C-alpha cells in the first residue's frame, strides 16, 4: 500500500469478563485532502469483537461524516453523510453483550453506540 492508502491502528483490546468493550471520543479533522491514487474514504473505527467494526466514515465529495457498522459479510448499517461535521467530537462505544450460556467465552452479539445512542 502507498503512504496515502495506509491507516493506523492505535488500540488493541482483548475482551474478557472484566472488560467487555471499547470506547473512544474522536475529534474529526477540520478538513480532508486526498492525494494521489486513493480509495476516497477516511474511516475511524472500533473493531475486533465478533468480527464487527463500527465507526465514522467520510467519502470524498460528501458533506461530512456518517456512522457505519460492518460484520464479516460487509456493511450492516449506516447513517447519512453529513450527520457529523468536520471538527466535531463524537463518542463511539462498542460493547460485547452477555455471554452465551452454552459457551461462556463467546458473546451473543455486540452493541454499537454513537454519542450515547445505540445504532
Protein backbone atom coordinates (compact mmCIF):
# COMPACT_ATOMS: atom_id res chain seq x y z
CA UNK A 1 0.00 0.00 0.00
CA UNK A 2 1.15 3.53 -0.62
CA UNK A 3 1.56 6.13 2.09
CA UNK A 4 -1.77 7.59 1.01
CA UNK A 5 -3.73 4.35 1.46
CA UNK A 6 -2.33 3.25 4.82
CA UNK A 7 -4.11 3.67 8.13
CA UNK A 8 -3.02 3.48 11.74
CA UNK A 9 -4.24 1.07 14.36
CA UNK A 10 -3.75 2.69 17.74
CA UNK A 11 -5.54 0.43 20.23
CA UNK A 12 -5.89 -3.31 20.69
CA UNK A 13 -8.15 -4.64 23.45
CA UNK A 14 -8.67 -8.24 24.48
CA UNK A 15 -12.26 -8.86 25.64
CA UNK A 16 -12.69 -10.75 28.89
CA UNK A 17 -15.29 -10.77 31.68
CA UNK A 18 -13.65 -7.77 33.37
CA UNK A 19 -13.68 -5.58 30.26
CA UNK A 20 -16.19 -6.29 27.52
CA UNK A 21 -15.94 -3.35 25.21
CA UNK A 22 -14.03 -0.34 23.96
CA UNK A 23 -14.92 3.32 23.66
CA UNK A 24 -13.27 6.48 22.41
CA UNK A 25 -14.02 10.13 21.77
CA UNK A 26 -12.79 11.19 18.34
CA UNK A 27 -12.40 14.77 17.18
CA UNK A 28 -12.90 14.66 13.44
CA UNK A 29 -10.39 16.52 11.27
CA UNK A 30 -11.24 20.09 10.25
CA UNK A 31 -10.62 19.16 6.61
CA UNK A 32 -9.50 16.27 4.42
CA UNK A 33 -7.19 16.31 1.38
CA UNK A 34 -6.88 13.31 -0.92
CA UNK A 35 -3.61 12.96 -2.83
CA UNK A 36 -2.56 10.51 -5.49
CA UNK A 37 -4.45 7.32 -6.25
CA UNK A 38 -6.61 6.87 -3.14
CA UNK A 39 -9.72 4.98 -2.18
CA UNK A 40 -11.51 8.32 -1.48
CA UNK A 41 -12.52 7.37 2.09
CA UNK A 42 -11.42 8.34 5.58
CA UNK A 43 -12.56 5.96 8.33
CA UNK A 44 -12.23 5.95 12.11
CA UNK A 45 -13.45 2.75 13.72
CA UNK A 46 -13.54 0.38 16.67
CA UNK A 47 -13.43 -3.32 15.94
CA UNK A 48 -12.37 -6.83 16.75
CA UNK A 49 -15.35 -8.19 18.64
CA UNK A 50 -17.19 -10.99 16.80
CA UNK A 51 -15.76 -9.72 13.50
CA UNK A 52 -17.56 -6.41 13.99
CA UNK A 53 -16.21 -2.97 13.18
CA UNK A 54 -18.13 0.23 13.72
CA UNK A 55 -17.17 3.84 13.33
CA UNK A 56 -17.30 7.03 11.30
CA UNK A 57 -16.69 7.39 7.59
CA UNK A 58 -16.15 10.24 5.14
CA UNK A 59 -16.31 9.79 1.36
CA UNK A 60 -14.70 12.28 -0.99
CA UNK A 61 -17.23 14.83 -2.22
CA UNK A 62 -19.74 14.29 0.60
CA UNK A 63 -20.80 16.99 3.07
CA UNK A 64 -19.48 15.31 6.24
CA UNK A 65 -19.12 12.02 8.11
CA UNK A 66 -21.62 9.24 8.83
CA UNK A 67 -21.64 6.31 11.25
CA UNK A 68 -21.31 2.76 9.87
CA UNK A 69 -21.37 -0.83 11.14
CA UNK A 70 -19.77 -3.84 9.39
CA UNK A 71 -19.62 -7.53 10.14
CA UNK A 72 -17.79 -10.37 8.36
CA UNK A 73 -20.25 -10.07 5.44
CA UNK A 74 -19.90 -6.30 4.93
CA UNK A 75 -21.99 -3.23 5.73
CA UNK A 76 -24.93 -3.93 8.06
CA UNK A 77 -25.96 -0.37 8.90
CA UNK A 78 -25.07 3.25 8.22
CA UNK A 79 -26.26 6.79 8.76
CA UNK A 80 -26.30 9.59 6.21
CA UNK A 81 -23.23 11.51 5.12
CA UNK A 82 -23.30 14.92 6.78
CA UNK A 83 -24.63 13.55 10.08
CA UNK A 84 -21.30 14.59 11.69
CA UNK A 85 -19.38 17.73 10.76
CA UNK A 86 -15.68 18.36 10.24
CA UNK A 87 -14.11 19.30 13.58
CA UNK A 88 -16.93 17.75 15.65
CA UNK A 89 -16.10 15.47 18.60
CA UNK A 90 -18.00 12.17 18.51
CA UNK A 91 -18.10 9.47 21.21
CA UNK A 92 -18.05 5.84 19.97
CA UNK A 93 -18.62 2.72 22.06
CA UNK A 94 -18.58 -0.95 21.00
CA UNK A 95 -19.78 -3.27 23.80
CA UNK A 96 -19.95 -7.05 23.93
CA UNK A 97 -23.31 -8.24 25.27
CA UNK A 98 -23.94 -11.12 27.69
CA UNK A 99 -22.05 -14.40 27.14
CA UNK A 100 -23.73 -17.38 25.52
CA UNK A 101 -24.90 -19.73 28.33
CA UNK A 102 -23.67 -22.76 26.34
CA UNK A 103 -20.26 -21.21 25.68
CA UNK A 104 -19.40 -18.55 28.32
CA UNK A 105 -16.33 -17.38 26.42
CA UNK A 106 -18.44 -16.45 23.39
CA UNK A 107 -20.75 -13.42 23.39
CA UNK A 108 -24.14 -13.43 21.71
CA UNK A 109 -23.72 -10.08 19.95
CA UNK A 110 -22.22 -6.60 20.17
CA UNK A 111 -23.88 -3.21 20.55
CA UNK A 112 -22.62 -0.03 18.88
CA UNK A 113 -23.29 3.44 20.31
CA UNK A 114 -22.63 6.87 18.82
CA UNK A 115 -22.89 9.80 21.24
CA UNK A 116 -24.80 7.51 23.62
CA UNK A 117 -27.38 6.39 21.05
CA UNK A 118 -27.48 2.69 20.13
CA UNK A 119 -27.13 2.07 16.40
